[in-house]
Amino acid sequence: MDNSNRPDLRAYIGATGSGKGVSIREHLDKLKPPRRVFWDPLGEYGHYGKTVTTIKALCEALKADKFAVCFWPGPNAQEFAGKFDLFCRAVFSAGNCFVHIEELNDVTTPTHAPPAWRRISKQGRHQGLSVCVGTQRPADCDKAFLSGVTYVRVFTMRFKKDKQVMAELLEIPYSEVQDLYTVEKDNGTTVINCYERDFRTGQRGPKTITLTRKK
């Protein structure tokens, strides 16, 4: 899995329950990367691999030829910054893997990206890293990363500032972002309206996903 000549920076953006997680899992199930690691502050991705809670255990897991490991940084958000820096250092050193960062806005700001994370987003392709990010608040996370994404899928959002940021990134009218919505219907189906853009292929436009609840 060597993407050294082809950057792969994906972003899935939307409010909780908007369909963001569904799309990330769909991408993962399609890609099936043999080496994958998750920054998992909400403990959402444990079914994809072993959950570890220390950097030492993470580094040990990343030594394998194949791995699926989720790093849970614990409940104290004040400790996230230091742990995220070490997480990113370990992942960059391991190389040749899929790395997912959940809730990027927890560990970056629009004007600040930790150096180790910046190295992943700017130089990761030379290490064979395929990067995927999920966030509810694009206005509050690393603007440099968003400016360099190769693919983005946007769902309904709650705040005007977030909608403005995504309208600018996607180069579409604000009204098109404002009209994105996810609706759960009485018949057990969920309709997800989103907008996606692939900056490499030029593919862009609205997309509707319909999910049927299992009985």
N, C-alpha and C. Protein backbone atom coordinates (compact mmCIF):
# COMPACT_ATOMS: atom_id res chain seq x y z
N MET A 1 0.86 -1.18 0.00
CA MET A 1 0.00 0.00 0.00
C MET A 1 0.89 1.23 0.00
N ASP A 2 1.44 1.58 -1.14
CA ASP A 2 2.40 2.67 -1.24
C ASP A 2 1.79 3.81 -2.05
N ASN A 3 1.45 4.89 -1.34
CA ASN A 3 0.86 6.06 -2.01
C ASN A 3 1.86 7.19 -2.14
N SER A 4 3.15 6.87 -2.21
CA SER A 4 4.19 7.89 -2.15
C SER A 4 4.08 8.89 -3.29
N ASN A 5 3.53 8.49 -4.43
CA ASN A 5 3.42 9.41 -5.54
C ASN A 5 2.00 9.93 -5.72
N ARG A 6 1.14 9.61 -4.77
CA ARG A 6 -0.26 10.00 -4.93
C ARG A 6 -0.87 10.33 -3.57
N PRO A 7 -1.01 11.60 -3.25
CA PRO A 7 -1.59 11.96 -1.95
C PRO A 7 -3.03 11.48 -1.82
N ASP A 8 -3.37 11.02 -0.64
CA ASP A 8 -4.73 10.57 -0.37
C ASP A 8 -5.15 11.13 0.99
N LEU A 9 -5.79 12.29 0.96
CA LEU A 9 -6.24 12.99 2.15
C LEU A 9 -7.75 13.17 2.06
N ARG A 10 -8.48 12.43 2.87
CA ARG A 10 -9.93 12.44 2.81
C ARG A 10 -10.53 13.08 4.05
N ALA A 11 -11.66 13.77 3.86
CA ALA A 11 -12.36 14.39 4.99
C ALA A 11 -13.85 14.09 4.90
N TYR A 12 -14.41 13.67 6.02
CA TYR A 12 -15.85 13.43 6.14
C TYR A 12 -16.36 14.37 7.23
N ILE A 13 -17.27 15.26 6.85
CA ILE A 13 -17.62 16.38 7.73
C ILE A 13 -19.12 16.48 7.91
N GLY A 14 -19.56 16.50 9.17
CA GLY A 14 -20.99 16.63 9.43
C GLY A 14 -21.30 16.49 10.90
N ALA A 15 -22.49 16.92 11.26
CA ALA A 15 -22.93 16.84 12.65
C ALA A 15 -23.12 15.38 13.06
N THR A 16 -23.18 15.15 14.36
CA THR A 16 -23.41 13.80 14.86
C THR A 16 -24.74 13.26 14.33
N GLY A 17 -24.72 12.02 13.86
CA GLY A 17 -25.93 11.41 13.31
C GLY A 17 -26.24 11.81 11.88
N SER A 18 -25.33 12.51 11.22
CA SER A 18 -25.60 13.00 9.87
C SER A 18 -25.32 11.97 8.79
N GLY A 19 -24.56 10.92 9.13
CA GLY A 19 -24.17 9.93 8.13
C GLY A 19 -22.68 9.86 7.90
N LYS A 20 -21.95 10.68 8.61
CA LYS A 20 -20.50 10.72 8.48
C LYS A 20 -19.87 9.36 8.78
N GLY A 21 -20.23 8.78 9.93
CA GLY A 21 -19.67 7.49 10.32
C GLY A 21 -20.02 6.38 9.35
N VAL A 22 -21.23 6.40 8.84
CA VAL A 22 -21.66 5.39 7.86
C VAL A 22 -20.76 5.43 6.64
N SER A 23 -20.45 6.63 6.17
CA SER A 23 -19.63 6.78 4.97
C SER A 23 -18.19 6.38 5.22
N ILE A 24 -17.67 6.70 6.39
CA ILE A 24 -16.30 6.31 6.72
C ILE A 24 -16.18 4.78 6.76
N ARG A 25 -17.16 4.13 7.38
CA ARG A 25 -17.13 2.67 7.45
C ARG A 25 -17.28 2.06 6.06
N GLU A 26 -18.10 2.68 5.22
CA GLU A 26 -18.25 2.20 3.85
C GLU A 26 -16.92 2.25 3.11
N HIS A 27 -16.21 3.35 3.28
CA HIS A 27 -14.90 3.50 2.63
C HIS A 27 -13.91 2.46 3.15
N LEU A 28 -13.91 2.24 4.46
CA LEU A 28 -13.02 1.26 5.05
C LEU A 28 -13.32 -0.15 4.56
N ASP A 29 -14.59 -0.50 4.51
CA ASP A 29 -14.99 -1.84 4.07
C ASP A 29 -14.64 -2.07 2.61
N LYS A 30 -14.64 -1.01 1.83
CA LYS A 30 -14.28 -1.12 0.42
C LYS A 30 -12.76 -1.22 0.25
N LEU A 31 -12.05 -0.42 1.03
CA LEU A 31 -10.59 -0.36 0.91
C LEU A 31 -9.91 -1.59 1.51
N LYS A 32 -10.39 -2.03 2.67
CA LYS A 32 -9.81 -3.16 3.40
C LYS A 32 -8.28 -3.06 3.52
N PRO A 33 -7.79 -1.98 4.08
CA PRO A 33 -6.33 -1.83 4.19
C PRO A 33 -5.73 -2.85 5.16
N PRO A 34 -4.64 -3.49 4.81
CA PRO A 34 -4.03 -4.50 5.68
C PRO A 34 -3.33 -3.90 6.90
N ARG A 35 -3.02 -2.61 6.81
CA ARG A 35 -2.39 -1.89 7.92
C ARG A 35 -3.24 -0.65 8.19
N ARG A 36 -3.88 -0.59 9.35
CA ARG A 36 -4.77 0.53 9.65
C ARG A 36 -4.69 0.89 11.12
N VAL A 37 -4.74 2.19 11.37
CA VAL A 37 -4.63 2.68 12.73
C VAL A 37 -5.59 3.85 12.91
N PHE A 38 -6.20 3.93 14.08
CA PHE A 38 -7.24 4.92 14.34
C PHE A 38 -6.92 5.73 15.60
N TRP A 39 -7.09 7.04 15.50
CA TRP A 39 -7.17 7.90 16.68
C TRP A 39 -8.65 7.93 17.03
N ASP A 40 -9.00 7.30 18.15
CA ASP A 40 -10.40 6.96 18.41
C ASP A 40 -10.86 7.48 19.78
N PRO A 41 -11.05 8.78 19.94
CA PRO A 41 -11.39 9.34 21.25
C PRO A 41 -12.77 8.93 21.76
N LEU A 42 -13.67 8.52 20.86
CA LEU A 42 -15.01 8.14 21.27
C LEU A 42 -15.19 6.62 21.33
N GLY A 43 -14.15 5.88 21.03
CA GLY A 43 -14.23 4.42 21.07
C GLY A 43 -15.19 3.84 20.06
N GLU A 44 -15.21 4.42 18.85
CA GLU A 44 -16.17 4.01 17.82
C GLU A 44 -15.65 2.93 16.88
N TYR A 45 -14.34 2.72 16.84
CA TYR A 45 -13.77 1.86 15.79
C TYR A 45 -13.15 0.58 16.33
N GLY A 46 -13.46 0.24 17.57
CA GLY A 46 -12.88 -0.95 18.17
C GLY A 46 -13.17 -2.24 17.44
N HIS A 47 -14.29 -2.29 16.71
CA HIS A 47 -14.62 -3.51 15.97
C HIS A 47 -13.72 -3.72 14.76
N TYR A 48 -12.92 -2.69 14.41
CA TYR A 48 -11.99 -2.83 13.29
C TYR A 48 -10.63 -3.38 13.73
N GLY A 49 -10.40 -3.43 15.02
CA GLY A 49 -9.11 -3.93 15.47
C GLY A 49 -8.95 -3.83 16.97
N LYS A 50 -7.77 -4.09 17.42
CA LYS A 50 -7.45 -4.10 18.85
C LYS A 50 -7.38 -2.66 19.37
N THR A 51 -8.00 -2.41 20.52
CA THR A 51 -7.93 -1.10 21.15
C THR A 51 -6.80 -1.09 22.17
N VAL A 52 -5.95 -0.06 22.05
CA VAL A 52 -4.86 0.11 23.02
C VAL A 52 -5.01 1.49 23.66
N THR A 53 -4.45 1.64 24.85
CA THR A 53 -4.62 2.89 25.60
C THR A 53 -3.30 3.55 25.99
N THR A 54 -2.19 2.95 25.58
CA THR A 54 -0.89 3.55 25.87
C THR A 54 -0.08 3.66 24.58
N ILE A 55 0.80 4.65 24.54
CA ILE A 55 1.65 4.83 23.36
C ILE A 55 2.60 3.64 23.19
N LYS A 56 3.05 3.07 24.31
CA LYS A 56 3.93 1.90 24.24
C LYS A 56 3.23 0.75 23.53
N ALA A 57 1.98 0.49 23.90
CA ALA A 57 1.22 -0.60 23.26
C ALA A 57 0.97 -0.29 21.79
N LEU A 58 0.72 0.99 21.48
CA LEU A 58 0.52 1.39 20.09
C LEU A 58 1.77 1.10 19.27
N CYS A 59 2.92 1.52 19.77
CA CYS A 59 4.17 1.32 19.04
C CYS A 59 4.46 -0.16 18.81
N GLU A 60 4.15 -0.99 19.80
CA GLU A 60 4.34 -2.43 19.64
C GLU A 60 3.44 -2.98 18.54
N ALA A 61 2.19 -2.52 18.52
CA ALA A 61 1.23 -2.99 17.50
C ALA A 61 1.66 -2.58 16.10
N LEU A 62 2.26 -1.39 15.98
CA LEU A 62 2.65 -0.87 14.67
C LEU A 62 3.89 -1.56 14.09
N LYS A 63 4.52 -2.42 14.86
CA LYS A 63 5.70 -3.13 14.37
C LYS A 63 5.33 -4.32 13.48
N ALA A 64 4.07 -4.76 13.54
CA ALA A 64 3.66 -5.95 12.78
C ALA A 64 3.60 -5.65 11.28
N ASP A 65 3.70 -6.72 10.49
CA ASP A 65 3.57 -6.56 9.04
C ASP A 65 2.15 -6.11 8.68
N LYS A 66 1.16 -6.65 9.39
CA LYS A 66 -0.23 -6.24 9.23
C LYS A 66 -0.78 -5.90 10.61
N PHE A 67 -1.61 -4.88 10.66
CA PHE A 67 -2.19 -4.51 11.95
C PHE A 67 -3.50 -3.74 11.76
N ALA A 68 -4.34 -3.82 12.77
CA ALA A 68 -5.56 -3.03 12.86
C ALA A 68 -5.66 -2.62 14.32
N VAL A 69 -5.34 -1.37 14.61
CA VAL A 69 -5.23 -0.94 16.00
C VAL A 69 -5.90 0.41 16.19
N CYS A 70 -6.65 0.51 17.28
CA CYS A 70 -7.34 1.76 17.63
C CYS A 70 -6.71 2.30 18.91
N PHE A 71 -6.33 3.57 18.86
CA PHE A 71 -5.77 4.18 20.06
C PHE A 71 -6.83 5.04 20.73
N TRP A 72 -7.18 4.67 21.96
CA TRP A 72 -8.13 5.45 22.75
C TRP A 72 -7.34 6.30 23.74
N PRO A 73 -7.40 7.64 23.62
CA PRO A 73 -6.57 8.51 24.46
C PRO A 73 -7.09 8.72 25.87
N GLY A 74 -8.22 8.11 26.20
CA GLY A 74 -8.77 8.26 27.54
C GLY A 74 -9.82 9.36 27.61
N PRO A 75 -10.44 9.56 28.77
CA PRO A 75 -11.55 10.49 28.89
C PRO A 75 -11.16 11.95 29.11
N ASN A 76 -9.89 12.18 29.44
CA ASN A 76 -9.45 13.53 29.78
C ASN A 76 -8.96 14.27 28.55
N ALA A 77 -9.77 15.18 28.02
CA ALA A 77 -9.42 15.91 26.79
C ALA A 77 -8.19 16.77 26.97
N GLN A 78 -7.87 17.15 28.20
CA GLN A 78 -6.69 17.97 28.44
C GLN A 78 -5.40 17.21 28.15
N GLU A 79 -5.48 15.91 28.10
CA GLU A 79 -4.30 15.09 27.80
C GLU A 79 -4.19 14.74 26.32
N PHE A 80 -5.18 15.13 25.54
CA PHE A 80 -5.19 14.74 24.13
C PHE A 80 -3.99 15.28 23.36
N ALA A 81 -3.62 16.53 23.61
CA ALA A 81 -2.57 17.18 22.80
C ALA A 81 -1.27 16.39 22.85
N GLY A 82 -0.81 16.06 24.03
CA GLY A 82 0.44 15.33 24.15
C GLY A 82 0.36 13.94 23.56
N LYS A 83 -0.75 13.26 23.80
CA LYS A 83 -0.92 11.91 23.27
C LYS A 83 -1.05 11.92 21.75
N PHE A 84 -1.73 12.94 21.21
CA PHE A 84 -1.89 13.02 19.77
C PHE A 84 -0.54 13.24 19.08
N ASP A 85 0.29 14.06 19.68
CA ASP A 85 1.62 14.29 19.13
C ASP A 85 2.41 12.98 19.05
N LEU A 86 2.39 12.21 20.11
CA LEU A 86 3.10 10.93 20.13
C LEU A 86 2.47 9.92 19.17
N PHE A 87 1.15 9.93 19.11
CA PHE A 87 0.43 9.06 18.17
C PHE A 87 0.90 9.34 16.74
N CYS A 88 0.93 10.61 16.37
CA CYS A 88 1.31 10.98 15.00
C CYS A 88 2.77 10.63 14.71
N ARG A 89 3.64 10.80 15.69
CA ARG A 89 5.04 10.43 15.50
C ARG A 89 5.17 8.93 15.23
N ALA A 90 4.42 8.15 16.01
CA ALA A 90 4.49 6.69 15.86
C ALA A 90 3.96 6.25 14.50
N VAL A 91 2.86 6.84 14.07
CA VAL A 91 2.25 6.47 12.80
C VAL A 91 3.17 6.84 11.63
N PHE A 92 3.76 8.03 11.68
CA PHE A 92 4.64 8.46 10.60
C PHE A 92 5.85 7.54 10.50
N SER A 93 6.36 7.15 11.65
CA SER A 93 7.51 6.24 11.67
C SER A 93 7.15 4.87 11.10
N ALA A 94 5.94 4.39 11.41
CA ALA A 94 5.51 3.08 10.91
C ALA A 94 5.33 3.10 9.40
N GLY A 95 4.67 4.14 8.89
CA GLY A 95 4.48 4.29 7.45
C GLY A 95 3.62 3.22 6.82
N ASN A 96 3.35 3.40 5.52
CA ASN A 96 2.61 2.44 4.71
C ASN A 96 1.35 1.91 5.39
N CYS A 97 0.44 2.82 5.75
CA CYS A 97 -0.79 2.39 6.39
C CYS A 97 -1.90 3.42 6.18
N PHE A 98 -3.10 2.99 6.50
CA PHE A 98 -4.28 3.85 6.51
C PHE A 98 -4.41 4.41 7.92
N VAL A 99 -4.54 5.72 8.07
CA VAL A 99 -4.68 6.33 9.38
C VAL A 99 -5.94 7.20 9.41
N HIS A 100 -6.79 6.94 10.39
CA HIS A 100 -8.01 7.73 10.54
C HIS A 100 -7.96 8.53 11.83
N ILE A 101 -8.28 9.82 11.72
CA ILE A 101 -8.34 10.72 12.87
C ILE A 101 -9.79 11.12 13.07
N GLU A 102 -10.37 10.73 14.19
CA GLU A 102 -11.75 11.11 14.48
C GLU A 102 -11.76 12.37 15.35
N GLU A 103 -12.64 13.30 14.98
CA GLU A 103 -12.78 14.59 15.67
C GLU A 103 -11.46 15.37 15.67
N LEU A 104 -11.02 15.74 14.46
CA LEU A 104 -9.78 16.50 14.31
C LEU A 104 -9.84 17.83 15.07
N ASN A 105 -11.04 18.37 15.23
CA ASN A 105 -11.18 19.65 15.93
C ASN A 105 -10.82 19.56 17.42
N ASP A 106 -10.71 18.33 17.95
CA ASP A 106 -10.30 18.15 19.35
C ASP A 106 -8.81 18.43 19.53
N VAL A 107 -8.03 18.25 18.47
CA VAL A 107 -6.57 18.28 18.62
C VAL A 107 -5.88 19.28 17.70
N THR A 108 -6.65 20.05 16.94
CA THR A 108 -6.09 21.12 16.12
C THR A 108 -7.00 22.34 16.20
N THR A 109 -6.52 23.46 15.70
CA THR A 109 -7.33 24.67 15.55
C THR A 109 -7.13 25.18 14.13
N PRO A 110 -7.90 26.18 13.70
CA PRO A 110 -7.72 26.69 12.34
C PRO A 110 -6.32 27.21 12.07
N THR A 111 -5.64 27.70 13.10
CA THR A 111 -4.33 28.31 12.91
C THR A 111 -3.19 27.52 13.55
N HIS A 112 -3.52 26.37 14.13
CA HIS A 112 -2.46 25.57 14.77
C HIS A 112 -2.65 24.09 14.48
N ALA A 113 -1.59 23.49 13.97
CA ALA A 113 -1.54 22.05 13.79
C ALA A 113 -0.27 21.54 14.45
N PRO A 114 -0.37 20.57 15.34
CA PRO A 114 0.84 20.03 15.97
C PRO A 114 1.85 19.60 14.90
N PRO A 115 3.14 19.87 15.11
CA PRO A 115 4.15 19.56 14.08
C PRO A 115 4.09 18.13 13.57
N ALA A 116 3.87 17.16 14.46
CA ALA A 116 3.84 15.76 14.02
C ALA A 116 2.64 15.48 13.12
N TRP A 117 1.50 16.12 13.41
CA TRP A 117 0.33 15.98 12.54
C TRP A 117 0.56 16.68 11.22
N ARG A 118 1.15 17.86 11.27
CA ARG A 118 1.44 18.61 10.05
C ARG A 118 2.36 17.80 9.14
N ARG A 119 3.27 17.08 9.74
CA ARG A 119 4.18 16.24 8.96
C ARG A 119 3.42 15.13 8.25
N ILE A 120 2.44 14.55 8.94
CA ILE A 120 1.62 13.50 8.32
C ILE A 120 0.83 14.07 7.14
N SER A 121 0.17 15.21 7.36
CA SER A 121 -0.70 15.76 6.32
C SER A 121 0.08 16.34 5.14
N LYS A 122 1.32 16.79 5.39
CA LYS A 122 2.11 17.40 4.32
C LYS A 122 3.07 16.41 3.65
N GLN A 123 3.62 15.49 4.43
CA GLN A 123 4.64 14.59 3.90
C GLN A 123 4.25 13.12 3.97
N GLY A 124 3.05 12.83 4.46
CA GLY A 124 2.64 11.45 4.68
C GLY A 124 2.67 10.59 3.44
N ARG A 125 2.40 11.17 2.29
CA ARG A 125 2.38 10.36 1.07
C ARG A 125 3.75 9.75 0.78
N HIS A 126 4.81 10.43 1.20
CA HIS A 126 6.15 9.89 1.00
C HIS A 126 6.44 8.73 1.94
N GLN A 127 5.59 8.57 2.96
CA GLN A 127 5.69 7.44 3.88
C GLN A 127 4.63 6.38 3.57
N GLY A 128 3.89 6.58 2.49
CA GLY A 128 2.85 5.63 2.13
C GLY A 128 1.63 5.72 3.02
N LEU A 129 1.34 6.90 3.57
CA LEU A 129 0.20 7.08 4.46
C LEU A 129 -1.02 7.55 3.69
N SER A 130 -2.12 6.88 3.91
CA SER A 130 -3.42 7.28 3.39
C SER A 130 -4.20 7.84 4.58
N VAL A 131 -4.58 9.11 4.52
CA VAL A 131 -5.12 9.82 5.68
C VAL A 131 -6.61 10.09 5.52
N CYS A 132 -7.35 9.80 6.58
CA CYS A 132 -8.80 10.04 6.60
C CYS A 132 -9.14 10.77 7.90
N VAL A 133 -10.01 11.77 7.79
CA VAL A 133 -10.37 12.60 8.95
C VAL A 133 -11.88 12.72 9.04
N GLY A 134 -12.39 12.69 10.27
CA GLY A 134 -13.80 12.97 10.51
C GLY A 134 -13.90 14.12 11.50
N THR A 135 -14.83 15.04 11.26
CA THR A 135 -15.02 16.15 12.19
C THR A 135 -16.43 16.71 12.08
N GLN A 136 -16.93 17.20 13.20
CA GLN A 136 -18.23 17.86 13.21
C GLN A 136 -18.09 19.36 12.99
N ARG A 137 -16.91 19.90 13.30
CA ARG A 137 -16.73 21.35 13.30
C ARG A 137 -15.55 21.76 12.42
N PRO A 138 -15.73 21.84 11.11
CA PRO A 138 -14.63 22.21 10.23
C PRO A 138 -14.08 23.61 10.50
N ALA A 139 -14.91 24.51 11.00
CA ALA A 139 -14.45 25.88 11.27
C ALA A 139 -13.47 25.92 12.43
N ASP A 140 -13.44 24.85 13.23
CA ASP A 140 -12.58 24.83 14.42
C ASP A 140 -11.36 23.94 14.27
N CYS A 141 -11.14 23.36 13.08
CA CYS A 141 -10.00 22.45 12.93
C CYS A 141 -9.00 22.95 11.90
N ASP A 142 -7.92 22.24 11.77
CA ASP A 142 -6.76 22.59 10.95
C ASP A 142 -7.13 23.03 9.53
N LYS A 143 -7.01 24.32 9.29
CA LYS A 143 -7.36 24.88 7.97
C LYS A 143 -6.38 24.42 6.89
N ALA A 144 -5.12 24.23 7.27
CA ALA A 144 -4.12 23.80 6.29
C ALA A 144 -4.44 22.40 5.76
N PHE A 145 -4.90 21.51 6.65
CA PHE A 145 -5.28 20.18 6.18
C PHE A 145 -6.46 20.26 5.22
N LEU A 146 -7.48 21.02 5.60
CA LEU A 146 -8.66 21.14 4.73
C LEU A 146 -8.30 21.70 3.36
N SER A 147 -7.35 22.61 3.33
CA SER A 147 -6.96 23.21 2.05
C SER A 147 -6.25 22.23 1.14
N GLY A 148 -5.75 21.12 1.73
CA GLY A 148 -5.01 20.16 0.93
C GLY A 148 -5.72 18.85 0.68
N VAL A 149 -7.00 18.73 1.10
CA VAL A 149 -7.69 17.45 0.93
C VAL A 149 -7.82 17.09 -0.54
N THR A 150 -7.79 15.79 -0.80
CA THR A 150 -7.99 15.31 -2.17
C THR A 150 -9.43 14.87 -2.39
N TYR A 151 -10.14 14.58 -1.28
CA TYR A 151 -11.54 14.17 -1.37
C TYR A 151 -12.26 14.65 -0.12
N VAL A 152 -13.49 15.15 -0.29
CA VAL A 152 -14.28 15.57 0.86
C VAL A 152 -15.75 15.22 0.63
N ARG A 153 -16.39 14.74 1.69
CA ARG A 153 -17.84 14.50 1.66
C ARG A 153 -18.44 15.25 2.85
N VAL A 154 -19.43 16.08 2.57
CA VAL A 154 -20.01 16.97 3.58
C VAL A 154 -21.48 16.63 3.80
N PHE A 155 -21.87 16.61 5.07
CA PHE A 155 -23.24 16.30 5.46
C PHE A 155 -23.87 17.51 6.16
N THR A 156 -25.05 17.30 6.68
CA THR A 156 -25.70 18.40 7.38
C THR A 156 -24.86 18.87 8.56
N MET A 157 -24.84 20.19 8.78
CA MET A 157 -24.12 20.79 9.90
C MET A 157 -25.04 21.78 10.60
N ARG A 158 -24.72 22.07 11.84
CA ARG A 158 -25.61 22.90 12.66
C ARG A 158 -25.27 24.38 12.63
N PHE A 159 -23.98 24.70 12.53
CA PHE A 159 -23.55 26.08 12.70
C PHE A 159 -23.25 26.78 11.38
N LYS A 160 -23.65 28.02 11.31
CA LYS A 160 -23.47 28.81 10.09
C LYS A 160 -22.00 28.92 9.70
N LYS A 161 -21.13 29.10 10.69
CA LYS A 161 -19.71 29.26 10.40
C LYS A 161 -19.15 28.02 9.72
N ASP A 162 -19.57 26.83 10.18
CA ASP A 162 -19.12 25.58 9.56
C ASP A 162 -19.61 25.47 8.12
N LYS A 163 -20.84 25.85 7.90
CA LYS A 163 -21.41 25.81 6.55
C LYS A 163 -20.69 26.77 5.62
N GLN A 164 -20.31 27.91 6.13
CA GLN A 164 -19.58 28.89 5.31
C GLN A 164 -18.21 28.35 4.91
N VAL A 165 -17.54 27.72 5.85
CA VAL A 165 -16.22 27.15 5.57
C VAL A 165 -16.31 26.11 4.47
N MET A 166 -17.32 25.25 4.55
CA MET A 166 -17.43 24.19 3.55
C MET A 166 -17.91 24.70 2.20
N ALA A 167 -18.75 25.70 2.20
CA ALA A 167 -19.17 26.30 0.92
C ALA A 167 -17.96 26.88 0.19
N GLU A 168 -17.08 27.50 0.96
CA GLU A 168 -15.87 28.07 0.36
C GLU A 168 -14.94 26.98 -0.15
N LEU A 169 -14.76 25.92 0.65
CA LEU A 169 -13.88 24.83 0.24
C LEU A 169 -14.40 24.12 -1.01
N LEU A 170 -15.70 23.88 -1.05
CA LEU A 170 -16.30 23.16 -2.17
C LEU A 170 -16.54 24.04 -3.38
N GLU A 171 -16.44 25.35 -3.17
CA GLU A 171 -16.70 26.33 -4.23
C GLU A 171 -18.12 26.20 -4.78
N ILE A 172 -19.05 26.17 -3.83
CA ILE A 172 -20.47 26.11 -4.19
C ILE A 172 -21.22 27.16 -3.37
N PRO A 173 -22.42 27.56 -3.80
CA PRO A 173 -23.19 28.54 -3.03
C PRO A 173 -23.49 28.04 -1.62
N TYR A 174 -23.53 28.96 -0.69
CA TYR A 174 -23.84 28.63 0.70
C TYR A 174 -25.17 27.88 0.81
N SER A 175 -26.12 28.24 -0.02
CA SER A 175 -27.45 27.64 0.04
C SER A 175 -27.41 26.13 -0.22
N GLU A 176 -26.45 25.68 -1.04
CA GLU A 176 -26.35 24.24 -1.32
C GLU A 176 -25.87 23.47 -0.10
N VAL A 177 -25.00 24.06 0.69
CA VAL A 177 -24.56 23.43 1.93
C VAL A 177 -25.66 23.51 2.98
N GLN A 178 -26.34 24.62 3.02
CA GLN A 178 -27.43 24.82 3.98
C GLN A 178 -28.55 23.81 3.78
N ASP A 179 -28.77 23.39 2.55
CA ASP A 179 -29.87 22.49 2.23
C ASP A 179 -29.56 21.01 2.47
N LEU A 180 -28.33 20.69 2.87
CA LEU A 180 -28.00 19.30 3.16
C LEU A 180 -28.71 18.86 4.43
N TYR A 181 -29.27 17.66 4.43
CA TYR A 181 -30.01 17.21 5.60
C TYR A 181 -30.01 15.68 5.67
N THR A 182 -30.24 15.18 6.87
CA THR A 182 -30.41 13.75 7.11
C THR A 182 -31.71 13.56 7.87
N VAL A 183 -32.59 12.71 7.33
CA VAL A 183 -33.92 12.55 7.91
C VAL A 183 -34.20 11.08 8.19
N GLU A 184 -34.66 10.78 9.39
CA GLU A 184 -35.12 9.44 9.74
C GLU A 184 -36.63 9.38 9.55
N LYS A 185 -37.09 8.47 8.70
CA LYS A 185 -38.51 8.38 8.39
C LYS A 185 -39.21 7.32 9.23
N ASP A 186 -40.52 7.42 9.31
CA ASP A 186 -41.32 6.50 10.12
C ASP A 186 -41.25 5.05 9.63
N ASN A 187 -40.96 4.86 8.35
CA ASN A 187 -40.92 3.51 7.79
C ASN A 187 -39.60 2.79 8.04
N GLY A 188 -38.73 3.41 8.85
CA GLY A 188 -37.47 2.76 9.20
C GLY A 188 -36.31 3.09 8.28
N THR A 189 -36.50 3.97 7.33
CA THR A 189 -35.42 4.36 6.44
C THR A 189 -34.82 5.70 6.88
N THR A 190 -33.56 5.87 6.58
CA THR A 190 -32.87 7.13 6.82
C THR A 190 -32.35 7.65 5.49
N VAL A 191 -32.68 8.89 5.18
CA VAL A 191 -32.24 9.51 3.94
C VAL A 191 -31.13 10.51 4.27
N ILE A 192 -29.97 10.28 3.69
CA ILE A 192 -28.81 11.14 3.92
C ILE A 192 -28.52 11.92 2.64
N ASN A 193 -28.58 13.22 2.74
CA ASN A 193 -28.22 14.07 1.61
C ASN A 193 -26.88 14.73 1.92
N CYS A 194 -25.92 14.51 1.04
CA CYS A 194 -24.58 15.04 1.24
C CYS A 194 -24.04 15.59 -0.07
N TYR A 195 -22.86 16.18 0.00
CA TYR A 195 -22.19 16.71 -1.19
C TYR A 195 -20.75 16.21 -1.15
N GLU A 196 -20.28 15.70 -2.29
CA GLU A 196 -18.91 15.21 -2.33
C GLU A 196 -18.12 15.84 -3.47
N ARG A 197 -16.83 15.94 -3.24
CA ARG A 197 -15.96 16.46 -4.29
C ARG A 197 -14.62 15.72 -4.24
N ASP A 198 -14.21 15.21 -5.39
CA ASP A 198 -12.92 14.57 -5.54
C ASP A 198 -12.03 15.53 -6.32
N PHE A 199 -11.06 16.10 -5.65
CA PHE A 199 -10.22 17.12 -6.28
C PHE A 199 -9.24 16.54 -7.28
N ARG A 200 -9.04 15.23 -7.25
CA ARG A 200 -8.13 14.61 -8.21
C ARG A 200 -8.84 14.30 -9.53
N THR A 201 -10.04 13.74 -9.43
CA THR A 201 -10.75 13.33 -10.65
C THR A 201 -11.65 14.43 -11.21
N GLY A 202 -11.98 15.41 -10.36
CA GLY A 202 -12.90 16.46 -10.79
C GLY A 202 -14.35 16.12 -10.53
N GLN A 203 -14.62 14.89 -10.06
CA GLN A 203 -15.99 14.49 -9.76
C GLN A 203 -16.53 15.32 -8.60
N ARG A 204 -17.77 15.82 -8.76
CA ARG A 204 -18.36 16.63 -7.70
C ARG A 204 -19.87 16.64 -7.86
N GLY A 205 -20.57 16.88 -6.76
CA GLY A 205 -22.02 17.00 -6.84
C GLY A 205 -22.72 16.42 -5.63
N PRO A 206 -24.04 16.63 -5.56
CA PRO A 206 -24.83 16.10 -4.44
C PRO A 206 -24.98 14.59 -4.55
N LYS A 207 -25.23 13.97 -3.40
CA LYS A 207 -25.38 12.51 -3.34
C LYS A 207 -26.44 12.20 -2.29
N THR A 208 -27.28 11.21 -2.61
CA THR A 208 -28.30 10.76 -1.65
C THR A 208 -28.06 9.31 -1.29
N ILE A 209 -28.02 9.04 0.00
CA ILE A 209 -27.82 7.69 0.52
C ILE A 209 -29.05 7.31 1.31
N THR A 210 -29.65 6.16 1.01
CA THR A 210 -30.81 5.69 1.74
C THR A 210 -30.46 4.43 2.50
N LEU A 211 -30.69 4.46 3.80
CA LEU A 211 -30.42 3.32 4.66
C LEU A 211 -31.74 2.74 5.18
N THR A 212 -31.81 1.44 5.26
CA THR A 212 -33.00 0.78 5.79
C THR A 212 -32.64 0.10 7.09
N ARG A 213 -33.38 0.40 8.15
CA ARG A 213 -33.10 -0.16 9.46
C ARG A 213 -33.44 -1.64 9.46
N LYS A 214 -32.49 -2.44 9.99
CA LYS A 214 -32.72 -3.89 10.07
C LYS A 214 -33.77 -4.18 11.14
N LYS A 215 -34.69 -5.09 10.80
CA LYS A 215 -35.75 -5.46 11.74
C LYS A 215 -35.31 -6.62 12.62
